Amino acid sequence: MFTIIGGDGQEYGPVSVEQLRTWLASGRANLETRARQSSEEAWKRLGDFAEFAPPAVGAPPVLGAATDTELGGLGARFGAAFVDGSLKFACQIPSSLAIYKYVSEHMDPGSRPDIMAIMTTVRDATALAPSPYPYLGALAVLQGFLIATRSQSVGKILFNLRIARATDGSKPDFVRAFLVRGGVPTVILYIPIIGFFFWIVDTCFIFRADRRCVHDLMAGTKIVKS
């Protein structure tokens, strides 16, 4: 049994829990109404009693947690990879153009130079050409920032994809999403012969049911729609 203090300052009760719930439903009382049980002396808010407490709301969503873990489509995956690959290629254009110009100026079109002469000319041209690494470094900083803050590269932004943890679809940490997923495979690709076969196998893995490439398996990630 409960006694409450009405809006007029008067005490009402003792009444049953069912009666109080009726008063709550009709607006005669609310969860801020002062009340006490018959067996107690202390006054509390009506909402402080378990019988009238509102149902617990769910925990707030974790920042970065997935709201949609539908896998990214093959077309979007390849499109995003093409965009990101094209950006890498663009970073090497100034160096490639300089090498081409140097070789064109130092090789006689009418002559038949041996392979050693060609390799020497290309080596000299490469030494004089502007290095692509500053451009590639700037691109790496940009991509790293986007992946750290949005779990997306430039290509994935354009194709509405994002990197997610394979277990629960939440936002992966920077080490997984950028260093392991992107950095380690890049190092492997520079290994002669091994890098080529790694690229073939890594690409073919996208046709698995979960569409996780080798680098996704390494990092514990997957690609989902953003």
Foldseek 3Di string as FASTA:
>chain_A
DKWWQFPVRDIDDDDDLVVVVVCCVVVRAHQQTWMDDPVDDDIDGNCVDPSNPDDDDDDDDDVQFDPDFAADDPVLVVQLVVVLVVQLVVLCVQLVVQLVVQLVVPDDPPDDDDPVVSVVSSVVSNVPTDDSVVSVVVQLVQQLVCCQVPQDGPSCVVSQKGKAALPGRGRDHSCLSRCQLPVVLVVQLPPPPSNVVLVVQQVVCCPDPQRHGPSCVRSRIGMGGD
